[in-house]
N, C-alpha and C. Protein backbone atom coordinates (compact mmCIF):
# COMPACT_ATOMS: atom_id res chain seq x y z
N MET A 1 112.82 73.83 120.17
CA MET A 1 111.53 74.47 120.35
C MET A 1 110.62 74.00 119.22
N SER A 2 109.73 73.05 119.49
CA SER A 2 108.88 72.48 118.44
C SER A 2 107.77 73.44 118.03
N LYS A 3 107.20 74.17 119.00
CA LYS A 3 106.17 75.16 118.71
C LYS A 3 106.77 76.56 118.84
N ARG A 4 106.18 77.49 118.12
CA ARG A 4 106.62 78.89 118.25
C ARG A 4 105.92 79.49 119.46
N ILE A 5 106.65 79.54 120.57
CA ILE A 5 106.14 80.14 121.80
C ILE A 5 107.10 81.25 122.19
N ILE A 6 106.57 82.44 122.35
CA ILE A 6 107.40 83.59 122.67
C ILE A 6 106.94 84.19 123.98
N THR A 7 107.87 84.39 124.90
CA THR A 7 107.55 85.08 126.16
C THR A 7 108.16 86.47 126.09
N ILE A 8 107.42 87.44 126.60
CA ILE A 8 107.91 88.82 126.59
C ILE A 8 107.84 89.41 127.99
N ASN A 9 109.00 89.69 128.55
CA ASN A 9 109.09 90.50 129.77
C ASN A 9 109.35 91.91 129.31
N ARG A 10 108.83 92.89 130.06
CA ARG A 10 108.92 94.26 129.57
C ARG A 10 108.97 95.26 130.69
N MET A 11 109.74 96.33 130.47
CA MET A 11 109.71 97.47 131.37
C MET A 11 108.44 98.26 131.08
N PHE A 12 107.88 98.85 132.11
CA PHE A 12 106.65 99.62 131.94
C PHE A 12 106.91 100.83 131.04
N GLY A 13 106.08 100.97 130.01
CA GLY A 13 106.22 102.08 129.07
C GLY A 13 107.13 101.78 127.89
N SER A 14 107.65 100.54 127.81
CA SER A 14 108.52 100.17 126.68
C SER A 14 107.71 99.64 125.50
N ASN A 15 106.39 99.57 125.66
CA ASN A 15 105.47 99.07 124.63
C ASN A 15 105.57 97.56 124.41
N GLY A 16 106.05 96.84 125.41
CA GLY A 16 106.19 95.39 125.29
C GLY A 16 104.88 94.67 125.02
N ARG A 17 103.81 95.08 125.69
CA ARG A 17 102.50 94.45 125.48
C ARG A 17 101.99 94.72 124.08
N ILE A 18 102.12 95.97 123.63
CA ILE A 18 101.64 96.36 122.30
C ILE A 18 102.42 95.60 121.22
N ILE A 19 103.72 95.49 121.42
CA ILE A 19 104.57 94.74 120.47
C ILE A 19 104.17 93.26 120.47
N GLY A 20 103.95 92.71 121.66
CA GLY A 20 103.54 91.31 121.76
C GLY A 20 102.23 91.03 121.03
N LYS A 21 101.27 91.93 121.18
CA LYS A 21 99.97 91.77 120.51
C LYS A 21 100.13 91.86 118.99
N ALA A 22 100.92 92.83 118.53
CA ALA A 22 101.17 92.97 117.09
C ALA A 22 101.87 91.73 116.54
N LEU A 23 102.80 91.19 117.32
CA LEU A 23 103.54 89.98 116.93
C LEU A 23 102.59 88.79 116.80
N ALA A 24 101.75 88.59 117.80
CA ALA A 24 100.80 87.48 117.77
C ALA A 24 99.83 87.61 116.59
N ASP A 25 99.37 88.84 116.34
CA ASP A 25 98.46 89.06 115.21
C ASP A 25 99.13 88.74 113.88
N LYS A 26 100.38 89.19 113.72
CA LYS A 26 101.10 88.95 112.47
C LYS A 26 101.42 87.47 112.27
N MET A 27 101.74 86.78 113.36
CA MET A 27 102.06 85.35 113.28
C MET A 27 100.80 84.49 113.26
N GLU A 28 99.65 85.13 113.56
CA GLU A 28 98.36 84.44 113.63
C GLU A 28 98.39 83.31 114.67
N ILE A 29 98.89 83.68 115.87
CA ILE A 29 98.94 82.73 116.98
C ILE A 29 98.29 83.39 118.20
N GLY A 30 98.10 82.63 119.26
CA GLY A 30 97.44 83.13 120.46
C GLY A 30 98.23 84.22 121.17
N PHE A 31 97.50 85.05 121.90
CA PHE A 31 98.13 86.12 122.68
C PHE A 31 97.57 86.08 124.09
N TYR A 32 98.45 86.08 125.09
CA TYR A 32 98.03 85.99 126.48
C TYR A 32 98.76 87.01 127.35
N ASP A 33 97.96 87.86 127.95
CA ASP A 33 98.46 88.84 128.92
C ASP A 33 97.42 88.84 130.04
N LYS A 34 96.55 89.82 130.08
CA LYS A 34 95.45 89.83 131.06
C LYS A 34 94.50 88.65 130.84
N GLU A 35 94.55 88.09 129.64
CA GLU A 35 93.72 86.92 129.33
C GLU A 35 93.99 85.76 130.29
N LEU A 36 95.22 85.70 130.81
CA LEU A 36 95.57 84.64 131.77
C LEU A 36 94.78 84.79 133.07
N ILE A 37 94.50 86.03 133.46
CA ILE A 37 93.70 86.27 134.67
C ILE A 37 92.27 85.78 134.44
N GLU A 38 91.73 86.08 133.24
CA GLU A 38 90.36 85.66 132.92
C GLU A 38 90.24 84.13 132.94
N ILE A 39 91.23 83.45 132.36
CA ILE A 39 91.21 81.98 132.32
C ILE A 39 91.29 81.43 133.75
N ALA A 40 92.20 81.99 134.55
CA ALA A 40 92.36 81.54 135.95
C ALA A 40 91.07 81.75 136.73
N GLY A 41 90.44 82.90 136.55
CA GLY A 41 89.20 83.21 137.25
C GLY A 41 88.08 82.25 136.90
N ARG A 42 87.94 81.96 135.60
CA ARG A 42 86.90 81.00 135.15
C ARG A 42 87.18 79.61 135.70
N LYS A 43 88.44 79.23 135.69
CA LYS A 43 88.83 77.89 136.13
C LYS A 43 88.45 77.63 137.59
N LYS A 44 88.64 78.65 138.44
CA LYS A 44 88.41 78.48 139.87
C LYS A 44 87.25 79.30 140.41
N LYS A 45 86.49 79.92 139.47
CA LYS A 45 85.31 80.72 139.87
C LYS A 45 85.68 81.82 140.88
N ILE A 46 86.74 82.53 140.55
CA ILE A 46 87.18 83.68 141.35
C ILE A 46 86.94 84.93 140.51
N PRO A 47 86.34 85.97 141.07
CA PRO A 47 86.09 87.19 140.29
C PRO A 47 87.38 87.77 139.69
N TYR A 48 87.26 88.24 138.46
CA TYR A 48 88.40 88.85 137.75
C TYR A 48 89.02 89.96 138.60
N SER A 49 88.18 90.80 139.20
CA SER A 49 88.67 91.95 139.97
C SER A 49 89.55 91.52 141.15
N THR A 50 89.21 90.39 141.77
CA THR A 50 90.00 89.88 142.91
C THR A 50 91.39 89.48 142.45
N LEU A 51 91.46 88.81 141.29
CA LEU A 51 92.75 88.37 140.77
C LEU A 51 93.55 89.52 140.17
N ALA A 52 92.86 90.43 139.47
CA ALA A 52 93.55 91.56 138.84
C ALA A 52 94.26 92.43 139.87
N GLU A 53 93.70 92.48 141.07
CA GLU A 53 94.28 93.29 142.15
C GLU A 53 95.67 92.81 142.57
N VAL A 54 95.93 91.52 142.42
CA VAL A 54 97.22 90.96 142.86
C VAL A 54 98.09 90.51 141.68
N ASP A 55 97.61 90.73 140.46
CA ASP A 55 98.35 90.28 139.28
C ASP A 55 99.71 90.95 139.18
N GLU A 56 100.75 90.16 138.98
CA GLU A 56 102.13 90.62 138.86
C GLU A 56 102.58 91.48 140.05
N LYS A 57 102.12 91.07 141.22
CA LYS A 57 102.55 91.73 142.46
C LYS A 57 102.97 90.65 143.44
N LYS A 58 104.04 90.89 144.17
CA LYS A 58 104.45 89.91 145.18
C LYS A 58 103.55 90.06 146.41
N PRO A 59 103.38 88.98 147.16
CA PRO A 59 102.51 89.06 148.35
C PRO A 59 103.08 89.99 149.41
N ASN A 60 102.19 90.58 150.18
CA ASN A 60 102.58 91.38 151.34
C ASN A 60 102.73 90.40 152.50
N ALA A 61 103.93 90.30 153.02
CA ALA A 61 104.21 89.31 154.07
C ALA A 61 103.45 89.58 155.36
N TRP A 62 103.02 90.83 155.57
CA TRP A 62 102.41 91.20 156.84
C TRP A 62 100.89 91.21 156.81
N ASN A 63 100.32 91.31 155.64
CA ASN A 63 98.86 91.45 155.59
C ASN A 63 98.33 90.96 154.26
N PHE A 64 97.52 89.91 154.28
CA PHE A 64 96.79 89.55 153.07
C PHE A 64 95.42 89.01 153.48
N PRO A 65 94.38 89.50 152.79
CA PRO A 65 93.02 89.07 153.14
C PRO A 65 92.71 87.67 152.61
N ILE A 66 91.75 87.02 153.24
CA ILE A 66 91.25 85.73 152.75
C ILE A 66 89.99 86.04 151.95
N ASP A 67 90.12 86.00 150.62
CA ASP A 67 89.01 86.35 149.73
C ASP A 67 88.28 85.12 149.21
N HIS A 68 88.88 83.95 149.32
CA HIS A 68 88.31 82.78 148.66
C HIS A 68 88.82 81.53 149.36
N GLU A 69 87.99 80.49 149.38
CA GLU A 69 88.40 79.25 150.05
C GLU A 69 89.60 78.59 149.40
N ILE A 70 89.89 78.94 148.13
CA ILE A 70 91.04 78.35 147.45
C ILE A 70 92.35 78.77 148.12
N GLN A 71 92.31 79.81 148.96
CA GLN A 71 93.52 80.27 149.65
C GLN A 71 93.89 79.37 150.83
N ILE A 72 93.05 78.41 151.17
CA ILE A 72 93.36 77.45 152.23
C ILE A 72 93.87 76.17 151.58
N SER A 73 95.12 75.84 151.83
CA SER A 73 95.72 74.65 151.22
C SER A 73 95.19 73.39 151.91
N PRO A 74 95.42 72.22 151.28
CA PRO A 74 95.00 70.96 151.91
C PRO A 74 95.61 70.76 153.31
N GLU A 75 96.75 71.40 153.56
CA GLU A 75 97.39 71.30 154.88
C GLU A 75 96.87 72.39 155.83
N HIS A 76 95.78 73.06 155.43
CA HIS A 76 95.16 74.13 156.22
C HIS A 76 96.09 75.32 156.42
N ARG A 77 96.95 75.52 155.44
CA ARG A 77 97.84 76.68 155.45
C ARG A 77 97.20 77.77 154.59
N VAL A 78 97.22 78.98 155.08
CA VAL A 78 96.64 80.10 154.33
C VAL A 78 97.66 80.62 153.32
N MET A 79 97.20 80.79 152.08
CA MET A 79 98.07 81.29 151.01
C MET A 79 97.60 82.66 150.56
N PRO A 80 98.51 83.59 150.31
CA PRO A 80 98.10 84.87 149.73
C PRO A 80 97.49 84.62 148.34
N MET A 81 96.55 85.46 147.94
CA MET A 81 95.94 85.31 146.62
C MET A 81 96.98 85.46 145.52
N ASN A 82 98.06 86.21 145.78
CA ASN A 82 99.16 86.35 144.81
C ASN A 82 99.74 84.98 144.48
N ASP A 83 99.97 84.15 145.54
CA ASP A 83 100.51 82.81 145.34
C ASP A 83 99.53 81.92 144.59
N VAL A 84 98.26 82.04 144.96
CA VAL A 84 97.21 81.27 144.28
C VAL A 84 97.20 81.59 142.80
N LEU A 85 97.22 82.90 142.47
CA LEU A 85 97.18 83.31 141.06
C LEU A 85 98.44 82.87 140.33
N TYR A 86 99.61 83.00 140.98
CA TYR A 86 100.85 82.57 140.33
C TYR A 86 100.78 81.08 139.95
N GLU A 87 100.33 80.25 140.89
CA GLU A 87 100.24 78.81 140.63
C GLU A 87 99.23 78.50 139.52
N LEU A 88 98.09 79.19 139.54
CA LEU A 88 97.09 79.00 138.49
C LEU A 88 97.66 79.40 137.13
N GLN A 89 98.29 80.58 137.07
CA GLN A 89 98.84 81.04 135.80
C GLN A 89 99.98 80.14 135.33
N ARG A 90 100.78 79.65 136.27
CA ARG A 90 101.87 78.73 135.91
C ARG A 90 101.30 77.48 135.22
N ASP A 91 100.25 76.90 135.80
CA ASP A 91 99.63 75.71 135.21
C ASP A 91 99.04 76.02 133.84
N ILE A 92 98.43 77.20 133.71
CA ILE A 92 97.83 77.59 132.43
C ILE A 92 98.92 77.79 131.38
N ILE A 93 100.01 78.46 131.75
CA ILE A 93 101.12 78.69 130.82
C ILE A 93 101.71 77.37 130.33
N LEU A 94 101.92 76.43 131.24
CA LEU A 94 102.46 75.11 130.85
C LEU A 94 101.48 74.38 129.93
N SER A 95 100.20 74.47 130.25
CA SER A 95 99.18 73.82 129.43
C SER A 95 99.11 74.45 128.03
N LEU A 96 99.16 75.77 127.97
CA LEU A 96 99.12 76.46 126.68
C LEU A 96 100.32 76.07 125.82
N SER A 97 101.49 75.96 126.44
CA SER A 97 102.70 75.64 125.68
C SER A 97 102.63 74.22 125.09
N ASP A 98 101.84 73.36 125.70
CA ASP A 98 101.65 72.01 125.16
C ASP A 98 100.66 71.99 124.00
N LYS A 99 99.71 72.94 124.02
CA LYS A 99 98.60 72.90 123.08
C LYS A 99 98.71 73.80 121.87
N GLU A 100 99.38 74.95 122.00
CA GLU A 100 99.32 75.90 120.89
C GLU A 100 100.55 76.79 120.82
N GLU A 101 100.71 77.43 119.69
CA GLU A 101 101.72 78.45 119.52
C GLU A 101 101.14 79.76 120.06
N CYS A 102 101.96 80.53 120.76
CA CYS A 102 101.42 81.74 121.37
C CYS A 102 102.51 82.70 121.82
N VAL A 103 102.05 83.92 122.12
CA VAL A 103 102.89 84.95 122.75
C VAL A 103 102.33 85.15 124.15
N ILE A 104 103.20 85.08 125.16
CA ILE A 104 102.79 85.26 126.55
C ILE A 104 103.56 86.43 127.13
N VAL A 105 102.83 87.41 127.67
CA VAL A 105 103.46 88.62 128.21
C VAL A 105 103.54 88.53 129.74
N GLY A 106 104.75 88.73 130.27
CA GLY A 106 104.95 88.79 131.72
C GLY A 106 104.71 87.49 132.45
N ARG A 107 104.35 87.61 133.73
CA ARG A 107 103.96 86.52 134.60
C ARG A 107 105.00 85.39 134.71
N CYS A 108 106.27 85.77 134.64
CA CYS A 108 107.39 84.83 134.81
C CYS A 108 107.38 83.71 133.77
N ALA A 109 106.72 83.92 132.64
CA ALA A 109 106.58 82.85 131.64
C ALA A 109 107.93 82.39 131.11
N ASN A 110 108.89 83.32 130.97
CA ASN A 110 110.22 82.91 130.48
C ASN A 110 110.86 81.93 131.45
N HIS A 111 110.68 82.15 132.75
CA HIS A 111 111.25 81.27 133.78
C HIS A 111 110.50 79.94 133.81
N ILE A 112 109.18 80.00 133.71
CA ILE A 112 108.34 78.80 133.76
C ILE A 112 108.64 77.87 132.58
N LEU A 113 108.80 78.45 131.39
CA LEU A 113 108.97 77.63 130.19
C LEU A 113 110.42 77.35 129.83
N GLY A 114 111.34 78.17 130.31
CA GLY A 114 112.75 77.94 130.01
C GLY A 114 113.01 77.86 128.52
N ASN A 115 113.74 76.84 128.10
CA ASN A 115 114.13 76.70 126.70
C ASN A 115 113.00 76.25 125.78
N ARG A 116 111.81 76.05 126.33
CA ARG A 116 110.66 75.69 125.48
C ARG A 116 110.12 76.90 124.74
N ALA A 117 110.65 78.10 125.06
CA ALA A 117 110.15 79.33 124.45
C ALA A 117 111.31 80.21 124.01
N LEU A 118 111.00 81.12 123.08
CA LEU A 118 111.93 82.20 122.74
C LEU A 118 111.67 83.29 123.77
N ARG A 119 112.68 83.63 124.55
CA ARG A 119 112.50 84.54 125.69
C ARG A 119 113.01 85.94 125.33
N VAL A 120 112.09 86.90 125.35
CA VAL A 120 112.39 88.26 124.91
C VAL A 120 112.22 89.23 126.08
N PHE A 121 113.14 90.19 126.17
CA PHE A 121 113.02 91.28 127.14
C PHE A 121 113.01 92.59 126.38
N ILE A 122 111.96 93.40 126.59
CA ILE A 122 111.85 94.69 125.90
C ILE A 122 112.01 95.80 126.93
N TYR A 123 112.90 96.72 126.63
CA TYR A 123 113.19 97.82 127.55
C TYR A 123 113.33 99.11 126.75
N ALA A 124 113.51 100.20 127.44
CA ALA A 124 113.75 101.51 126.82
C ALA A 124 114.27 102.43 127.91
N PRO A 125 114.93 103.52 127.54
CA PRO A 125 115.41 104.47 128.55
C PRO A 125 114.24 105.03 129.36
N PHE A 126 114.53 105.37 130.61
CA PHE A 126 113.49 105.86 131.53
C PHE A 126 112.75 107.06 130.95
N GLU A 127 113.47 108.06 130.43
CA GLU A 127 112.83 109.27 129.91
C GLU A 127 111.89 108.96 128.75
N THR A 128 112.29 108.05 127.90
CA THR A 128 111.44 107.64 126.77
C THR A 128 110.16 107.00 127.27
N ARG A 129 110.29 106.18 128.30
CA ARG A 129 109.12 105.49 128.84
C ARG A 129 108.17 106.47 129.54
N VAL A 130 108.73 107.46 130.20
CA VAL A 130 107.89 108.49 130.83
C VAL A 130 107.07 109.21 129.77
N LYS A 131 107.71 109.59 128.65
CA LYS A 131 107.00 110.28 127.56
C LYS A 131 105.90 109.39 126.99
N THR A 132 106.21 108.11 126.83
CA THR A 132 105.22 107.17 126.30
C THR A 132 103.99 107.11 127.20
N ILE A 133 104.20 107.04 128.51
CA ILE A 133 103.09 106.96 129.46
C ILE A 133 102.31 108.28 129.51
N MET A 134 103.00 109.40 129.38
CA MET A 134 102.32 110.69 129.32
C MET A 134 101.37 110.74 128.13
N GLU A 135 101.84 110.25 126.99
CA GLU A 135 101.02 110.27 125.77
C GLU A 135 99.91 109.22 125.84
N ARG A 136 100.26 108.02 126.28
CA ARG A 136 99.30 106.93 126.27
C ARG A 136 98.18 107.13 127.29
N LEU A 137 98.53 107.59 128.48
CA LEU A 137 97.55 107.70 129.56
C LEU A 137 97.12 109.15 129.85
N GLY A 138 97.70 110.09 129.14
CA GLY A 138 97.33 111.49 129.36
C GLY A 138 97.74 112.00 130.73
N ARG A 139 98.86 111.53 131.24
CA ARG A 139 99.32 111.92 132.58
C ARG A 139 100.26 113.12 132.50
N GLU A 140 100.29 113.87 133.60
CA GLU A 140 101.30 114.92 133.75
C GLU A 140 102.66 114.24 133.96
N GLU A 141 103.74 114.96 133.68
CA GLU A 141 105.07 114.36 133.76
C GLU A 141 105.38 113.78 135.14
N LYS A 142 105.09 114.53 136.20
CA LYS A 142 105.39 114.06 137.55
C LYS A 142 104.65 112.75 137.85
N SER A 143 103.38 112.69 137.48
CA SER A 143 102.57 111.48 137.69
C SER A 143 103.09 110.30 136.88
N ALA A 144 103.48 110.57 135.62
CA ALA A 144 104.01 109.52 134.75
C ALA A 144 105.32 108.96 135.31
N ARG A 145 106.17 109.84 135.82
CA ARG A 145 107.45 109.39 136.41
C ARG A 145 107.21 108.45 137.59
N LYS A 146 106.31 108.85 138.46
CA LYS A 146 105.99 108.03 139.63
C LYS A 146 105.43 106.68 139.22
N LEU A 147 104.55 106.69 138.22
CA LEU A 147 103.91 105.44 137.77
C LEU A 147 104.92 104.49 137.14
N VAL A 148 105.81 105.02 136.30
CA VAL A 148 106.83 104.17 135.66
C VAL A 148 107.72 103.53 136.73
N LYS A 149 108.16 104.33 137.70
CA LYS A 149 109.01 103.80 138.77
C LYS A 149 108.28 102.74 139.58
N ARG A 150 107.01 103.02 139.92
CA ARG A 150 106.24 102.08 140.74
C ARG A 150 105.99 100.77 140.02
N MET A 151 105.60 100.85 138.75
CA MET A 151 105.29 99.63 137.99
C MET A 151 106.54 98.78 137.76
N ASP A 152 107.66 99.41 137.46
CA ASP A 152 108.91 98.66 137.31
C ASP A 152 109.29 97.98 138.61
N LYS A 153 109.13 98.70 139.72
CA LYS A 153 109.46 98.15 141.03
C LYS A 153 108.56 96.95 141.35
N GLU A 154 107.26 97.08 141.06
CA GLU A 154 106.32 95.98 141.32
C GLU A 154 106.64 94.77 140.46
N ARG A 155 106.91 94.99 139.18
CA ARG A 155 107.22 93.87 138.28
C ARG A 155 108.51 93.17 138.69
N ARG A 156 109.52 93.97 139.03
CA ARG A 156 110.79 93.38 139.46
C ARG A 156 110.61 92.57 140.74
N ALA A 157 109.91 93.14 141.73
CA ALA A 157 109.70 92.45 143.01
C ALA A 157 108.92 91.15 142.81
N TYR A 158 107.89 91.19 141.98
CA TYR A 158 107.08 90.00 141.67
C TYR A 158 107.94 88.92 141.04
N TYR A 159 108.67 89.30 140.00
CA TYR A 159 109.50 88.34 139.27
C TYR A 159 110.55 87.71 140.18
N GLU A 160 111.23 88.55 140.94
CA GLU A 160 112.31 88.05 141.77
C GLU A 160 111.79 87.23 142.96
N PHE A 161 110.61 87.55 143.45
CA PHE A 161 110.00 86.79 144.54
C PHE A 161 109.69 85.36 144.09
N PHE A 162 109.07 85.24 142.91
CA PHE A 162 108.63 83.92 142.46
C PHE A 162 109.70 83.10 141.73
N THR A 163 110.77 83.74 141.25
CA THR A 163 111.77 82.99 140.48
C THR A 163 113.14 82.89 141.16
N ASP A 164 113.41 83.74 142.15
CA ASP A 164 114.75 83.84 142.74
C ASP A 164 115.81 84.20 141.71
N GLU A 165 115.39 84.85 140.64
CA GLU A 165 116.29 85.34 139.59
C GLU A 165 116.16 86.85 139.50
N SER A 166 117.16 87.50 138.92
CA SER A 166 117.10 88.95 138.72
C SER A 166 116.32 89.25 137.44
N TRP A 167 115.30 90.08 137.58
CA TRP A 167 114.42 90.45 136.46
C TRP A 167 115.20 91.02 135.28
N ARG A 168 116.25 91.81 135.59
CA ARG A 168 117.00 92.47 134.53
C ARG A 168 118.29 91.74 134.16
N ASP A 169 118.43 90.49 134.58
CA ASP A 169 119.60 89.69 134.20
C ASP A 169 119.41 89.24 132.76
N MET A 170 120.15 89.85 131.86
CA MET A 170 119.96 89.60 130.43
C MET A 170 120.31 88.17 130.01
N GLU A 171 121.01 87.44 130.86
CA GLU A 171 121.36 86.06 130.52
C GLU A 171 120.13 85.14 130.51
N GLN A 172 119.04 85.60 131.10
CA GLN A 172 117.81 84.79 131.12
C GLN A 172 117.02 84.87 129.82
N TYR A 173 117.42 85.77 128.95
CA TYR A 173 116.65 86.03 127.74
C TYR A 173 117.46 85.69 126.50
N ASP A 174 116.74 85.33 125.44
CA ASP A 174 117.39 85.05 124.16
C ASP A 174 117.61 86.32 123.36
N ILE A 175 116.68 87.27 123.51
CA ILE A 175 116.76 88.55 122.80
C ILE A 175 116.39 89.67 123.76
N CYS A 176 117.20 90.72 123.79
CA CYS A 176 116.89 91.92 124.57
C CYS A 176 116.87 93.10 123.60
N ILE A 177 115.76 93.83 123.58
CA ILE A 177 115.57 94.88 122.59
C ILE A 177 115.23 96.21 123.26
N ASP A 178 115.96 97.24 122.89
CA ASP A 178 115.64 98.61 123.30
C ASP A 178 114.63 99.14 122.29
N SER A 179 113.38 99.23 122.70
CA SER A 179 112.30 99.58 121.77
C SER A 179 112.37 101.03 121.30
N SER A 180 113.24 101.84 121.91
CA SER A 180 113.36 103.23 121.46
C SER A 180 114.21 103.34 120.19
N HIS A 181 114.93 102.28 119.84
CA HIS A 181 115.82 102.33 118.68
C HIS A 181 115.22 101.76 117.40
N PHE A 182 114.06 101.11 117.52
CA PHE A 182 113.47 100.44 116.36
C PHE A 182 111.98 100.75 116.28
N SER A 183 111.42 100.63 115.09
CA SER A 183 109.97 100.77 114.94
C SER A 183 109.31 99.49 115.43
N GLN A 184 108.03 99.58 115.70
CA GLN A 184 107.29 98.39 116.13
C GLN A 184 107.39 97.29 115.08
N ASP A 185 107.26 97.63 113.81
CA ASP A 185 107.33 96.63 112.74
C ASP A 185 108.70 95.98 112.69
N GLN A 186 109.76 96.75 112.89
CA GLN A 186 111.11 96.18 112.88
C GLN A 186 111.28 95.18 114.02
N ILE A 187 110.77 95.53 115.19
CA ILE A 187 110.88 94.64 116.34
C ILE A 187 110.08 93.35 116.11
N VAL A 188 108.86 93.50 115.61
CA VAL A 188 108.02 92.34 115.32
C VAL A 188 108.72 91.42 114.32
N ASN A 189 109.27 91.99 113.26
CA ASN A 189 109.94 91.18 112.24
C ASN A 189 111.18 90.49 112.79
N LEU A 190 111.93 91.19 113.64
CA LEU A 190 113.13 90.61 114.25
C LEU A 190 112.76 89.40 115.12
N ILE A 191 111.74 89.56 115.95
CA ILE A 191 111.33 88.46 116.83
C ILE A 191 110.75 87.30 116.01
N MET A 192 109.98 87.63 114.98
CA MET A 192 109.43 86.57 114.10
C MET A 192 110.53 85.75 113.47
N GLU A 193 111.53 86.43 112.98
CA GLU A 193 112.65 85.74 112.32
C GLU A 193 113.35 84.81 113.31
N ALA A 194 113.56 85.29 114.53
CA ALA A 194 114.20 84.45 115.56
C ALA A 194 113.32 83.27 115.91
N ALA A 195 112.01 83.49 116.02
CA ALA A 195 111.07 82.41 116.38
C ALA A 195 111.02 81.35 115.28
N ASP A 196 111.11 81.78 114.04
CA ASP A 196 111.05 80.83 112.92
C ASP A 196 112.31 79.99 112.80
N ARG A 197 113.40 80.46 113.40
CA ARG A 197 114.65 79.69 113.36
C ARG A 197 114.68 78.67 114.47
């Protein structure tokens, strides 16, 4: 690994995004999460809202709208916007890995980059994640439980659809961390040390 590139897959409510941002800030390198949607939108002149709607979601096999001419392939095949966004983000992730050191959250980046990156999976027990979402979003417990289950299901389905790999297969990652057992600073330092090696 010539450049320090870290990919972070995360369970919803495990604070993976927050840890990734803190890591990038401490290492003084780029950070990409929703920023990938903005780059993709600018590149192809597609509204952010159109792409954000399908971000990290697998396509619906029975119904997908045609929102943009980019969804028509050269072979006149219609593509779901989910597929369009995945391909755009894949190209951006590969390009970023050639140009700079960075932290990339989600979007199958660990699968796309393989051994070119330090691949991290951040998780936590379900109850801990529910409490985190209740505090972070001000949700009632029942609502937080539903949201955590739904987001994990969406992320897993997206990942497995585009990679044909199991999202929670720990063999795909170099480091797997239960964020409920360590402070944010401890996790950041642990990942930094691994990246520097």
